[in-house]
Amino acid sequence: MSKSIEDRIADHARHLGFDAIGFCDASLPEEARTRLRQFVEDGRHGTMGWMEQRIEQRGDPRALWPDVRSVISLGLSYAPEADPAETLDRPDTGTISVYARHRDYHDVLKGMLKHLAQFVVRQDVGGEGTQVKVFVDTAPVLEKPLAEQARLGWQGKHTNLVSRDHGSWLLLGEIYTTLALTPSPPRAGSCGSCTRCLTACPTDAFPRPYALDARRCIAYLTIEHDGPIPVEFRKAMGNRIYGCDDCLNACPWNRFAATSRHMKLQPRPDLMAPELDDLARLDDAGFRSFFSGSPIKRIGRNRFVRNVLVALGNSGDATKLPLIASLMADENETVAEAAVWAWTQLAEPDR
């Protein structure tokens, strides 16, 4: 018996290295669209103005591409070998989100998706005239609701995708296609009564289950937010200098996740527990060189050193004062302000 087109695509996806694959119709339930609109209307997206743009296309794949009929949702595991929380107790080092400790996943995943897309449009697979579009965080696509609809998992109470097989450690990408593919069958799995991800958040960024207020989220504050970080969140940041994995790491479904086997997603040793002193001394050229090929590069030196200075201010180590003082007159106002705050935390801790 010959294999179905869905099985052939899935087999090739696994051959390319994908860990999860599913299919769904190119439509989203009203609940997903409502959740998106409410998120933006409440202002919980913070300064991410791009979320307000093309919002109808985010909520409806066919509004983005009228000819699309099906979505192929792909997942790539980046489950870490070591506990990502280990460095939180080492105040002389910085804690970097697991996904950013290796090569930029956008490049890795997009290359794999393009290979699979080429396979899909082959005449002996999709047939003549088959069209595809590939997305990795590069277009108004609601990737998590689509992944849920394609049965890769479900959106947990922390709003991220949870997989029975890979826990909370899946990078997502999509192939939109004009093919009419059979949707993947349902799979069991849910958060149940568990609220570990919600209580793990250092800044109480979840006003309720399944709802995130990005304005309180350390990942948003250290990556997306420009300008000074609100003072009320600085102590809670600890030594988190790029992103935050606390809610992801707390998920009990992670016990089923095997360490990522992808060579390009293996962590750089120098990003596992980088010394804050070294990072604070980076100028623009040094920053771009050190983070070449890393997703961290996109936030720029000033935003990154701002984060490092907050971590230094939380270190409790007064020997850092001369280094911090050298940045108090930095030409970037945000860096200089963070340095003044950090200096005050160490020089006048009772203030």
C-alpha atoms as a PDB file:
ATOM      1  CA  MET A   1       0.000   0.000   0.000  1.00  0.00           C
ATOM      2  CA  SER A   2       1.454   3.352  -1.031  1.00  0.00           C
ATOM      3  CA  LYS A   3       1.929   6.022   1.589  1.00  0.00           C
ATOM      4  CA  SER A   4      -0.313   9.063   1.786  1.00  0.00           C
ATOM      5  CA  ILE A   5       1.101  12.457   0.854  1.00  0.00           C
ATOM      6  CA  GLU A   6       0.949  13.446   4.534  1.00  0.00           C
ATOM      7  CA  ASP A   7       3.038  10.402   5.521  1.00  0.00           C
ATOM      8  CA  ARG A   8       5.556  11.109   2.787  1.00  0.00           C
ATOM      9  CA  ILE A   9       5.927  14.720   3.890  1.00  0.00           C
ATOM     10  CA  ALA A  10       6.221  13.670   7.536  1.00  0.00           C
ATOM     11  CA  ASP A  11       8.856  11.052   6.729  1.00  0.00           C
ATOM     12  CA  HIS A  12      10.937  13.591   4.825  1.00  0.00           C
ATOM     13  CA  ALA A  13      10.524  16.154   7.601  1.00  0.00           C
ATOM     14  CA  ARG A  14      11.911  13.676  10.106  1.00  0.00           C
ATOM     15  CA  HIS A  15      14.734  12.850   7.691  1.00  0.00           C
ATOM     16  CA  LEU A  16      15.625  16.554   7.628  1.00  0.00           C
ATOM     17  CA  GLY A  17      15.753  16.601  11.420  1.00  0.00           C
ATOM     18  CA  PHE A  18      12.361  17.943  12.477  1.00  0.00           C
ATOM     19  CA  ASP A  19      11.099  16.556  15.769  1.00  0.00           C
ATOM     20  CA  ALA A  20       7.402  17.323  15.385  1.00  0.00           C
ATOM     21  CA  ILE A  21       5.146  17.681  12.365  1.00  0.00           C
ATOM     22  CA  GLY A  22       1.424  18.171  11.909  1.00  0.00           C
ATOM     23  CA  PHE A  23      -1.142  19.338   9.368  1.00  0.00           C
ATOM     24  CA  CYS A  24      -4.191  21.550   9.664  1.00  0.00           C
ATOM     25  CA  ASP A  25      -6.595  23.567   7.566  1.00  0.00           C
ATOM     26  CA  ALA A  26      -5.582  27.154   6.867  1.00  0.00           C
ATOM     27  CA  SER A  27      -8.011  28.628   9.352  1.00  0.00           C
ATOM     28  CA  LEU A  28      -7.986  29.501  13.020  1.00  0.00           C
ATOM     29  CA  PRO A  29     -10.754  29.195  15.602  1.00  0.00           C
ATOM     30  CA  GLU A  30     -12.484  32.357  16.726  1.00  0.00           C
ATOM     31  CA  GLU A  31     -11.023  31.871  20.210  1.00  0.00           C
ATOM     32  CA  ALA A  32      -7.484  32.399  18.891  1.00  0.00           C
ATOM     33  CA  ARG A  33      -8.470  35.570  17.037  1.00  0.00           C
ATOM     34  CA  THR A  34     -10.352  36.903  20.067  1.00  0.00           C
ATOM     35  CA  ARG A  35      -7.392  36.234  22.343  1.00  0.00           C
ATOM     36  CA  LEU A  36      -5.092  38.152  19.991  1.00  0.00           C
ATOM     37  CA  ARG A  37      -7.431  41.137  19.710  1.00  0.00           C
ATOM     38  CA  GLN A  38      -7.900  41.280  23.479  1.00  0.00           C
ATOM     39  CA  PHE A  39      -4.144  41.100  24.036  1.00  0.00           C
ATOM     40  CA  VAL A  40      -3.614  44.152  21.845  1.00  0.00           C
ATOM     41  CA  GLU A  41      -6.675  46.084  23.016  1.00  0.00           C
ATOM     42  CA  ASP A  42      -5.558  45.662  26.638  1.00  0.00           C
ATOM     43  CA  GLY A  43      -2.141  47.047  25.738  1.00  0.00           C
ATOM     44  CA  ARG A  44      -0.462  43.901  27.065  1.00  0.00           C
ATOM     45  CA  HIS A  45       1.814  43.844  24.013  1.00  0.00           C
ATOM     46  CA  GLY A  46       3.722  46.824  25.407  1.00  0.00           C
ATOM     47  CA  THR A  47       5.815  48.632  22.806  1.00  0.00           C
ATOM     48  CA  MET A  48       5.589  45.829  20.248  1.00  0.00           C
ATOM     49  CA  GLY A  49       3.682  48.017  17.823  1.00  0.00           C
ATOM     50  CA  TRP A  50       4.147  45.500  15.022  1.00  0.00           C
ATOM     51  CA  MET A  51       1.517  43.330  16.721  1.00  0.00           C
ATOM     52  CA  GLU A  52      -1.088  45.986  16.012  1.00  0.00           C
ATOM     53  CA  GLN A  53      -0.190  46.022  12.339  1.00  0.00           C
ATOM     54  CA  ARG A  54      -1.798  43.517   9.967  1.00  0.00           C
ATOM     55  CA  ILE A  55      -3.728  42.071  12.895  1.00  0.00           C
ATOM     56  CA  GLU A  56      -6.391  40.601  10.615  1.00  0.00           C
ATOM     57  CA  GLN A  57      -3.712  38.690   8.709  1.00  0.00           C
ATOM     58  CA  ARG A  58      -2.389  37.319  11.977  1.00  0.00           C
ATOM     59  CA  GLY A  59      -5.780  35.946  12.852  1.00  0.00           C
ATOM     60  CA  ASP A  60      -6.587  34.468   9.436  1.00  0.00           C
ATOM     61  CA  PRO A  61      -4.014  32.695   7.216  1.00  0.00           C
ATOM     62  CA  ARG A  62      -6.186  33.321   4.171  1.00  0.00           C
ATOM     63  CA  ALA A  63      -6.101  37.062   4.813  1.00  0.00           C
ATOM     64  CA  LEU A  64      -2.324  36.800   4.490  1.00  0.00           C
ATOM     65  CA  TRP A  65      -2.447  34.520   1.428  1.00  0.00           C
ATOM     66  CA  PRO A  66      -5.883  33.922  -0.141  1.00  0.00           C
ATOM     67  CA  ASP A  67      -4.778  30.778  -2.000  1.00  0.00           C
ATOM     68  CA  VAL A  68      -3.554  28.848   1.034  1.00  0.00           C
ATOM     69  CA  ARG A  69      -5.534  25.717   1.860  1.00  0.00           C
ATOM     70  CA  SER A  70      -3.398  23.895   4.426  1.00  0.00           C
ATOM     71  CA  VAL A  71      -0.639  24.575   6.926  1.00  0.00           C
ATOM     72  CA  ILE A  72       2.244  22.239   7.697  1.00  0.00           C
ATOM     73  CA  SER A  73       3.414  23.014  11.226  1.00  0.00           C
ATOM     74  CA  LEU A  74       6.941  21.953  12.200  1.00  0.00           C
ATOM     75  CA  GLY A  75       8.735  21.798  15.527  1.00  0.00           C
ATOM     76  CA  LEU A  76      12.424  21.556  16.347  1.00  0.00           C
ATOM     77  CA  SER A  77      13.406  20.551  19.879  1.00  0.00           C
ATOM     78  CA  TYR A  78      15.938  22.698  21.710  1.00  0.00           C
ATOM     79  CA  ALA A  79      15.595  20.924  25.061  1.00  0.00           C
ATOM     80  CA  PRO A  80      18.699  21.683  27.142  1.00  0.00           C
ATOM     81  CA  GLU A  81      20.973  19.092  28.710  1.00  0.00           C
ATOM     82  CA  ALA A  82      21.636  21.164  31.827  1.00  0.00           C
ATOM     83  CA  ASP A  83      19.070  22.868  34.026  1.00  0.00           C
ATOM     84  CA  PRO A  84      18.841  26.424  32.633  1.00  0.00           C
ATOM     85  CA  ALA A  85      18.209  27.704  36.166  1.00  0.00           C
ATOM     86  CA  GLU A  86      21.667  26.639  37.361  1.00  0.00           C
ATOM     87  CA  THR A  87      23.231  30.031  36.611  1.00  0.00           C
ATOM     88  CA  LEU A  88      20.542  31.955  38.493  1.00  0.00           C
ATOM     89  CA  ASP A  89      22.500  31.280  41.691  1.00  0.00           C
ATOM     90  CA  ARG A  90      25.763  32.586  40.217  1.00  0.00           C
ATOM     91  CA  PRO A  91      25.476  36.387  40.414  1.00  0.00           C
ATOM     92  CA  ASP A  92      28.881  36.974  38.780  1.00  0.00           C
ATOM     93  CA  THR A  93      27.578  35.421  35.556  1.00  0.00           C
ATOM     94  CA  GLY A  94      24.689  36.153  33.237  1.00  0.00           C
ATOM     95  CA  THR A  95      21.753  33.871  32.495  1.00  0.00           C
ATOM     96  CA  ILE A  96      20.822  33.697  28.821  1.00  0.00           C
ATOM     97  CA  SER A  97      17.631  32.067  27.566  1.00  0.00           C
ATOM     98  CA  VAL A  98      18.247  28.541  26.278  1.00  0.00           C
ATOM     99  CA  TYR A  99      17.155  29.310  22.716  1.00  0.00           C
ATOM    100  CA  ALA A 100      19.778  32.066  22.428  1.00  0.00           C
ATOM    101  CA  ARG A 101      22.783  30.049  23.615  1.00  0.00           C
ATOM    102  CA  HIS A 102      23.419  28.657  20.151  1.00  0.00           C
ATOM    103  CA  ARG A 103      23.145  29.733  16.525  1.00  0.00           C
ATOM    104  CA  ASP A 104      20.212  31.882  15.525  1.00  0.00           C
ATOM    105  CA  TYR A 105      17.386  29.372  15.229  1.00  0.00           C
ATOM    106  CA  HIS A 106      15.684  31.474  12.569  1.00  0.00           C
ATOM    107  CA  ASP A 107      18.505  30.654  10.149  1.00  0.00           C
ATOM    108  CA  VAL A 108      18.659  26.982  11.144  1.00  0.00           C
ATOM    109  CA  LEU A 109      14.917  26.410  10.946  1.00  0.00           C
ATOM    110  CA  LYS A 110      14.378  28.409   7.760  1.00  0.00           C
ATOM    111  CA  GLY A 111      16.987  26.358   5.910  1.00  0.00           C
ATOM    112  CA  MET A 112      15.286  23.128   6.962  1.00  0.00           C
ATOM    113  CA  LEU A 113      11.841  24.471   6.032  1.00  0.00           C
ATOM    114  CA  LYS A 114      13.021  25.464   2.571  1.00  0.00           C
ATOM    115  CA  HIS A 115      14.318  21.945   1.951  1.00  0.00           C
ATOM    116  CA  LEU A 116      10.986  20.479   3.013  1.00  0.00           C
ATOM    117  CA  ALA A 117       9.078  23.019   0.906  1.00  0.00           C
ATOM    118  CA  GLN A 118      11.083  21.961  -2.145  1.00  0.00           C
ATOM    119  CA  PHE A 119      10.103  18.376  -1.443  1.00  0.00           C
ATOM    120  CA  VAL A 120       6.410  19.327  -1.145  1.00  0.00           C
ATOM    121  CA  VAL A 121       6.311  21.043  -4.554  1.00  0.00           C
ATOM    122  CA  ARG A 122       7.931  18.137  -6.385  1.00  0.00           C
ATOM    123  CA  GLN A 123       5.623  16.842  -9.086  1.00  0.00           C
ATOM    124  CA  ASP A 124       5.579  13.337  -7.625  1.00  0.00           C
ATOM    125  CA  VAL A 125       4.506  14.701  -4.226  1.00  0.00           C
ATOM    126  CA  GLY A 126       2.327  17.794  -4.395  1.00  0.00           C
ATOM    127  CA  GLY A 127       1.769  17.778  -8.098  1.00  0.00           C
ATOM    128  CA  GLU A 128       2.131  20.406 -10.767  1.00  0.00           C
ATOM    129  CA  GLY A 129       1.171  23.903  -9.679  1.00  0.00           C
ATOM    130  CA  THR A 130       1.618  23.311  -5.951  1.00  0.00           C
ATOM    131  CA  GLN A 131       2.636  26.518  -4.218  1.00  0.00           C
ATOM    132  CA  VAL A 132       4.200  27.054  -0.794  1.00  0.00           C
ATOM    133  CA  LYS A 133       5.295  29.862   1.514  1.00  0.00           C
ATOM    134  CA  VAL A 134       7.730  29.386   4.395  1.00  0.00           C
ATOM    135  CA  PHE A 135       7.547  31.277   7.704  1.00  0.00           C
ATOM    136  CA  VAL A 136       9.793  31.448  10.772  1.00  0.00           C
ATOM    137  CA  ASP A 137       8.742  34.398  12.870  1.00  0.00           C
ATOM    138  CA  THR A 138       8.952  36.528   9.728  1.00  0.00           C
ATOM    139  CA  ALA A 139       5.314  37.272   8.935  1.00  0.00           C
ATOM    140  CA  PRO A 140       2.007  37.909  10.726  1.00  0.00           C
ATOM    141  CA  VAL A 141       1.451  34.228  11.598  1.00  0.00           C
ATOM    142  CA  LEU A 142      -0.066  32.932  14.846  1.00  0.00           C
ATOM    143  CA  GLU A 143       2.356  30.033  15.044  1.00  0.00           C
ATOM    144  CA  LYS A 144       1.318  28.661  18.435  1.00  0.00           C
ATOM    145  CA  PRO A 145      -2.437  28.402  17.692  1.00  0.00           C
ATOM    146  CA  LEU A 146      -1.579  26.837  14.319  1.00  0.00           C
ATOM    147  CA  ALA A 147       0.759  24.342  15.979  1.00  0.00           C
ATOM    148  CA  GLU A 148      -2.003  23.471  18.432  1.00  0.00           C
ATOM    149  CA  GLN A 149      -4.463  22.991  15.598  1.00  0.00           C
ATOM    150  CA  ALA A 150      -1.924  20.761  13.807  1.00  0.00           C
ATOM    151  CA  ARG A 151      -1.694  18.665  17.009  1.00  0.00           C
ATOM    152  CA  LEU A 152       1.925  19.411  17.863  1.00  0.00           C
ATOM    153  CA  GLY A 153       0.717  20.213  21.358  1.00  0.00           C
ATOM    154  CA  TRP A 154      -1.431  22.780  23.120  1.00  0.00           C
ATOM    155  CA  GLN A 155      -1.014  26.321  24.349  1.00  0.00           C
ATOM    156  CA  GLY A 156      -0.281  26.034  28.035  1.00  0.00           C
ATOM    157  CA  LYS A 157      -1.208  28.375  30.825  1.00  0.00           C
ATOM    158  CA  HIS A 158       2.055  30.245  30.142  1.00  0.00           C
ATOM    159  CA  THR A 159       0.711  30.827  26.575  1.00  0.00           C
ATOM    160  CA  ASN A 160       3.586  28.840  25.025  1.00  0.00           C
ATOM    161  CA  LEU A 161       3.168  25.540  23.224  1.00  0.00           C
ATOM    162  CA  VAL A 162       3.422  22.394  25.354  1.00  0.00           C
ATOM    163  CA  SER A 163       4.179  19.046  23.720  1.00  0.00           C
ATOM    164  CA  ARG A 164       3.657  15.610  25.242  1.00  0.00           C
ATOM    165  CA  ASP A 165       7.013  14.568  23.783  1.00  0.00           C
ATOM    166  CA  HIS A 166       9.114  17.749  23.990  1.00  0.00           C
ATOM    167  CA  GLY A 167       7.630  19.723  26.853  1.00  0.00           C
ATOM    168  CA  SER A 168       7.954  23.466  26.408  1.00  0.00           C
ATOM    169  CA  TRP A 169      11.129  23.291  24.298  1.00  0.00           C
ATOM    170  CA  LEU A 170       9.944  23.480  20.680  1.00  0.00           C
ATOM    171  CA  LEU A 171      10.967  26.029  18.057  1.00  0.00           C
ATOM    172  CA  LEU A 172       8.168  26.489  15.521  1.00  0.00           C
ATOM    173  CA  GLY A 173       7.979  27.104  11.791  1.00  0.00           C
ATOM    174  CA  GLU A 174       5.252  26.828   9.169  1.00  0.00           C
ATOM    175  CA  ILE A 175       4.777  25.965   5.519  1.00  0.00           C
ATOM    176  CA  TYR A 176       1.626  27.391   3.949  1.00  0.00           C
ATOM    177  CA  THR A 177       0.552  25.462   0.873  1.00  0.00           C
ATOM    178  CA  THR A 178      -2.151  25.341  -1.770  1.00  0.00           C
ATOM    179  CA  LEU A 179      -2.405  21.584  -1.211  1.00  0.00           C
ATOM    180  CA  ALA A 180      -5.487  20.213   0.506  1.00  0.00           C
ATOM    181  CA  LEU A 181      -3.927  18.077   3.237  1.00  0.00           C
ATOM    182  CA  THR A 182      -5.719  15.868   5.754  1.00  0.00           C
ATOM    183  CA  PRO A 183      -5.565  17.430   9.226  1.00  0.00           C
ATOM    184  CA  SER A 184      -3.648  15.517  11.882  1.00  0.00           C
ATOM    185  CA  PRO A 185      -5.759  13.518  14.351  1.00  0.00           C
ATOM    186  CA  PRO A 186      -6.269  14.759  17.923  1.00  0.00           C
ATOM    187  CA  ARG A 187      -3.762  13.843  20.637  1.00  0.00           C
ATOM    188  CA  ALA A 188      -4.366  13.773  24.370  1.00  0.00           C
ATOM    189  CA  GLY A 189      -2.640  16.186  26.705  1.00  0.00           C
ATOM    190  CA  SER A 190      -3.429  19.211  28.830  1.00  0.00           C
ATOM    191  CA  CYS A 191      -2.202  21.354  31.701  1.00  0.00           C
ATOM    192  CA  GLY A 192      -4.902  20.021  34.007  1.00  0.00           C
ATOM    193  CA  SER A 193      -4.865  21.801  37.354  1.00  0.00           C
ATOM    194  CA  CYS A 194      -1.113  22.533  37.222  1.00  0.00           C
ATOM    195  CA  THR A 195      -0.095  26.160  37.721  1.00  0.00           C
ATOM    196  CA  ARG A 196       3.680  25.757  38.171  1.00  0.00           C
ATOM    197  CA  CYS A 197       4.492  27.987  35.200  1.00  0.00           C
ATOM    198  CA  LEU A 198       2.364  30.809  36.605  1.00  0.00           C
ATOM    199  CA  THR A 199       3.833  30.742  40.094  1.00  0.00           C
ATOM    200  CA  ALA A 200       7.394  30.449  38.711  1.00  0.00           C
ATOM    201  CA  CYS A 201       7.244  33.866  37.028  1.00  0.00           C
ATOM    202  CA  PRO A 202       9.504  36.328  38.905  1.00  0.00           C
ATOM    203  CA  THR A 203       7.446  39.367  37.898  1.00  0.00           C
ATOM    204  CA  ASP A 204       3.881  38.008  38.033  1.00  0.00           C
ATOM    205  CA  ALA A 205       3.437  38.504  34.311  1.00  0.00           C
ATOM    206  CA  PHE A 206       0.335  36.281  34.100  1.00  0.00           C
ATOM    207  CA  PRO A 207      -2.846  38.102  35.168  1.00  0.00           C
ATOM    208  CA  ARG A 208      -4.675  34.802  34.756  1.00  0.00           C
ATOM    209  CA  PRO A 209      -4.041  31.377  33.189  1.00  0.00           C
ATOM    210  CA  TYR A 210      -3.544  31.485  29.411  1.00  0.00           C
ATOM    211  CA  ALA A 211      -2.949  35.252  29.468  1.00  0.00           C
ATOM    212  CA  LEU A 212       0.401  37.065  29.438  1.00  0.00           C
ATOM    213  CA  ASP A 213       1.109  40.719  30.160  1.00  0.00           C
ATOM    214  CA  ALA A 214       4.284  41.260  28.145  1.00  0.00           C
ATOM    215  CA  ARG A 215       4.917  44.555  29.932  1.00  0.00           C
ATOM    216  CA  ARG A 216       5.820  42.554  33.054  1.00  0.00           C
ATOM    217  CA  CYS A 217       7.670  39.733  31.270  1.00  0.00           C
ATOM    218  CA  ILE A 218      11.472  39.583  31.676  1.00  0.00           C
ATOM    219  CA  ALA A 219      11.831  38.138  28.174  1.00  0.00           C
ATOM    220  CA  TYR A 220      10.026  41.168  26.754  1.00  0.00           C
ATOM    221  CA  LEU A 221      11.847  43.641  29.003  1.00  0.00           C
ATOM    222  CA  THR A 222      15.319  42.348  28.134  1.00  0.00           C
ATOM    223  CA  ILE A 223      14.735  41.786  24.415  1.00  0.00           C
ATOM    224  CA  GLU A 224      11.877  43.821  22.957  1.00  0.00           C
ATOM    225  CA  HIS A 225      11.720  46.794  25.300  1.00  0.00           C
ATOM    226  CA  ASP A 226      13.834  49.804  24.370  1.00  0.00           C
ATOM    227  CA  GLY A 227      14.859  52.450  26.858  1.00  0.00           C
ATOM    228  CA  PRO A 228      15.201  52.063  30.629  1.00  0.00           C
ATOM    229  CA  ILE A 229      13.740  48.963  32.231  1.00  0.00           C
ATOM    230  CA  PRO A 230      11.047  49.932  34.771  1.00  0.00           C
ATOM    231  CA  VAL A 231      12.670  50.057  38.205  1.00  0.00           C
ATOM    232  CA  GLU A 232       9.947  47.894  39.761  1.00  0.00           C
ATOM    233  CA  PHE A 233      11.160  44.869  37.767  1.00  0.00           C
ATOM    234  CA  ARG A 234      14.934  45.259  38.066  1.00  0.00           C
ATOM    235  CA  LYS A 235      15.485  43.331  41.301  1.00  0.00           C
ATOM    236  CA  ALA A 236      13.312  40.474  40.043  1.00  0.00           C
ATOM    237  CA  MET A 237      15.474  40.202  36.930  1.00  0.00           C
ATOM    238  CA  GLY A 238      18.386  38.909  38.999  1.00  0.00           C
ATOM    239  CA  ASN A 239      21.114  38.001  36.511  1.00  0.00           C
ATOM    240  CA  ARG A 240      18.809  37.320  33.568  1.00  0.00           C
ATOM    241  CA  ILE A 241      20.449  39.311  30.775  1.00  0.00           C
ATOM    242  CA  TYR A 242      18.611  37.976  27.717  1.00  0.00           C
ATOM    243  CA  GLY A 243      15.216  36.366  27.967  1.00  0.00           C
ATOM    244  CA  CYS A 244      13.770  34.232  30.741  1.00  0.00           C
ATOM    245  CA  ASP A 245      12.994  30.506  30.853  1.00  0.00           C
ATOM    246  CA  ASP A 246      11.386  30.285  34.275  1.00  0.00           C
ATOM    247  CA  CYS A 247       7.840  29.522  33.125  1.00  0.00           C
ATOM    248  CA  LEU A 248       9.061  27.100  30.454  1.00  0.00           C
ATOM    249  CA  ASN A 249      11.434  25.320  32.800  1.00  0.00           C
ATOM    250  CA  ALA A 250       8.735  24.827  35.436  1.00  0.00           C
ATOM    251  CA  CYS A 251       6.521  22.726  33.135  1.00  0.00           C
ATOM    252  CA  PRO A 252       6.298  19.090  34.356  1.00  0.00           C
ATOM    253  CA  TRP A 253       5.852  17.865  30.785  1.00  0.00           C
ATOM    254  CA  ASN A 254       9.547  18.631  30.294  1.00  0.00           C
ATOM    255  CA  ARG A 255      10.414  15.349  31.993  1.00  0.00           C
ATOM    256  CA  PHE A 256       9.558  13.606  28.732  1.00  0.00           C
ATOM    257  CA  ALA A 257      11.817  15.862  26.651  1.00  0.00           C
ATOM    258  CA  ALA A 258      15.072  14.343  25.425  1.00  0.00           C
ATOM    259  CA  THR A 259      18.074  16.653  25.068  1.00  0.00           C
ATOM    260  CA  SER A 260      18.155  18.288  21.635  1.00  0.00           C
ATOM    261  CA  ARG A 261      20.169  16.223  19.174  1.00  0.00           C
ATOM    262  CA  HIS A 262      20.690  18.988  16.628  1.00  0.00           C
ATOM    263  CA  MET A 263      24.329  19.965  16.233  1.00  0.00           C
ATOM    264  CA  LYS A 264      23.492  23.535  15.217  1.00  0.00           C
ATOM    265  CA  LEU A 265      21.432  23.950  18.384  1.00  0.00           C
ATOM    266  CA  GLN A 266      24.163  22.874  20.768  1.00  0.00           C
ATOM    267  CA  PRO A 267      25.006  25.690  23.203  1.00  0.00           C
ATOM    268  CA  ARG A 268      28.113  27.788  22.834  1.00  0.00           C
ATOM    269  CA  PRO A 269      30.279  27.158  25.918  1.00  0.00           C
ATOM    270  CA  ASP A 270      30.937  30.885  26.285  1.00  0.00           C
ATOM    271  CA  LEU A 271      27.188  31.590  26.517  1.00  0.00           C
ATOM    272  CA  MET A 272      26.401  28.988  29.173  1.00  0.00           C
ATOM    273  CA  ALA A 273      27.578  31.174  32.071  1.00  0.00           C
ATOM    274  CA  PRO A 274      29.276  34.285  30.675  1.00  0.00           C
ATOM    275  CA  GLU A 275      31.107  36.599  33.074  1.00  0.00           C
ATOM    276  CA  LEU A 276      29.199  39.840  33.588  1.00  0.00           C
ATOM    277  CA  ASP A 277      32.441  41.828  33.763  1.00  0.00           C
ATOM    278  CA  ASP A 278      33.451  40.783  30.257  1.00  0.00           C
ATOM    279  CA  LEU A 279      30.015  41.533  28.816  1.00  0.00           C
ATOM    280  CA  ALA A 280      29.806  44.966  30.416  1.00  0.00           C
ATOM    281  CA  ARG A 281      33.055  45.989  28.734  1.00  0.00           C
ATOM    282  CA  LEU A 282      31.788  45.277  25.211  1.00  0.00           C
ATOM    283  CA  ASP A 283      31.722  48.229  22.845  1.00  0.00           C
ATOM    284  CA  ASP A 284      29.584  48.139  19.714  1.00  0.00           C
ATOM    285  CA  ALA A 285      32.190  46.426  17.536  1.00  0.00           C
ATOM    286  CA  GLY A 286      33.059  43.944  20.248  1.00  0.00           C
ATOM    287  CA  PHE A 287      29.384  43.168  20.824  1.00  0.00           C
ATOM    288  CA  ARG A 288      28.714  42.519  17.145  1.00  0.00           C
ATOM    289  CA  SER A 289      31.790  40.323  16.867  1.00  0.00           C
ATOM    290  CA  PHE A 290      31.098  38.292  20.007  1.00  0.00           C
ATOM    291  CA  PHE A 291      27.451  37.682  19.110  1.00  0.00           C
ATOM    292  CA  SER A 292      27.959  37.074  15.390  1.00  0.00           C
ATOM    293  CA  GLY A 293      25.460  34.416  14.269  1.00  0.00           C
ATOM    294  CA  SER A 294      23.524  34.728  17.538  1.00  0.00           C
ATOM    295  CA  PRO A 295      19.938  35.998  17.939  1.00  0.00           C
ATOM    296  CA  ILE A 296      21.258  38.256  20.693  1.00  0.00           C
ATOM    297  CA  LYS A 297      22.970  40.416  18.087  1.00  0.00           C
ATOM    298  CA  ARG A 298      19.679  41.916  16.936  1.00  0.00           C
ATOM    299  CA  ILE A 299      19.003  43.839  20.167  1.00  0.00           C
ATOM    300  CA  GLY A 300      22.261  45.789  19.864  1.00  0.00           C
ATOM    301  CA  ARG A 301      25.020  46.625  22.313  1.00  0.00           C
ATOM    302  CA  ASN A 302      23.205  49.353  24.253  1.00  0.00           C
ATOM    303  CA  ARG A 303      20.133  47.320  25.134  1.00  0.00           C
ATOM    304  CA  PHE A 304      22.282  44.329  26.035  1.00  0.00           C
ATOM    305  CA  VAL A 305      24.743  46.232  28.239  1.00  0.00           C
ATOM    306  CA  ARG A 306      21.717  47.846  29.945  1.00  0.00           C
ATOM    307  CA  ASN A 307      20.612  44.323  30.913  1.00  0.00           C
ATOM    308  CA  VAL A 308      24.114  43.408  32.087  1.00  0.00           C
ATOM    309  CA  LEU A 309      24.261  46.488  34.308  1.00  0.00           C
ATOM    310  CA  VAL A 310      20.981  45.547  35.975  1.00  0.00           C
ATOM    311  CA  ALA A 311      22.481  42.120  36.684  1.00  0.00           C
ATOM    312  CA  LEU A 312      25.629  43.760  38.103  1.00  0.00           C
ATOM    313  CA  GLY A 313      23.465  45.923  40.330  1.00  0.00           C
ATOM    314  CA  ASN A 314      21.816  42.755  41.626  1.00  0.00           C
ATOM    315  CA  SER A 315      25.125  40.954  42.184  1.00  0.00           C
ATOM    316  CA  GLY A 316      25.733  42.245  45.696  1.00  0.00           C
ATOM    317  CA  ASP A 317      29.433  42.497  44.824  1.00  0.00           C
ATOM    318  CA  ALA A 318      30.906  45.904  45.615  1.00  0.00           C
ATOM    319  CA  THR A 319      34.104  45.045  43.745  1.00  0.00           C
ATOM    320  CA  LYS A 320      32.093  45.719  40.572  1.00  0.00           C
ATOM    321  CA  LEU A 321      31.740  49.427  41.416  1.00  0.00           C
ATOM    322  CA  PRO A 322      34.739  50.684  39.392  1.00  0.00           C
ATOM    323  CA  LEU A 323      33.521  48.868  36.291  1.00  0.00           C
ATOM    324  CA  ILE A 324      29.995  50.189  36.763  1.00  0.00           C
ATOM    325  CA  ALA A 325      31.314  53.717  37.364  1.00  0.00           C
ATOM    326  CA  SER A 326      33.146  53.604  34.043  1.00  0.00           C
ATOM    327  CA  LEU A 327      29.768  53.258  32.293  1.00  0.00           C
ATOM    328  CA  MET A 328      27.973  56.010  34.185  1.00  0.00           C
ATOM    329  CA  ALA A 329      29.076  58.489  31.523  1.00  0.00           C
ATOM    330  CA  ASP A 330      28.348  56.188  28.580  1.00  0.00           C
ATOM    331  CA  GLU A 331      27.254  58.067  25.458  1.00  0.00           C
ATOM    332  CA  ASN A 332      24.021  56.081  25.463  1.00  0.00           C
ATOM    333  CA  GLU A 333      21.602  57.540  27.982  1.00  0.00           C
ATOM    334  CA  THR A 334      19.915  54.229  28.751  1.00  0.00           C
ATOM    335  CA  VAL A 335      23.240  52.529  29.501  1.00  0.00           C
ATOM    336  CA  ALA A 336      24.343  55.455  31.654  1.00  0.00           C
ATOM    337  CA  GLU A 337      21.069  55.417  33.604  1.00  0.00           C
ATOM    338  CA  ALA A 338      21.364  51.666  34.232  1.00  0.00           C
ATOM    339  CA  ALA A 339      24.934  52.181  35.435  1.00  0.00           C
ATOM    340  CA  VAL A 340      23.834  54.854  37.921  1.00  0.00           C
ATOM    341  CA  TRP A 341      21.131  52.523  39.238  1.00  0.00           C
ATOM    342  CA  ALA A 342      23.558  49.596  39.522  1.00  0.00           C
ATOM    343  CA  TRP A 343      26.138  51.779  41.319  1.00  0.00           C
ATOM    344  CA  THR A 344      23.492  52.909  43.809  1.00  0.00           C
ATOM    345  CA  GLN A 345      22.447  49.316  44.533  1.00  0.00           C
ATOM    346  CA  LEU A 346      25.993  48.359  45.489  1.00  0.00           C
ATOM    347  CA  ALA A 347      27.332  51.583  46.993  1.00  0.00           C
ATOM    348  CA  GLU A 348      24.171  52.549  48.892  1.00  0.00           C
ATOM    349  CA  PRO A 349      22.280  49.257  49.388  1.00  0.00           C
ATOM    350  CA  ASP A 350      20.118  50.657  52.202  1.00  0.00           C
ATOM    351  CA  ARG A 351      19.013  53.695  50.246  1.00  0.00           C
END
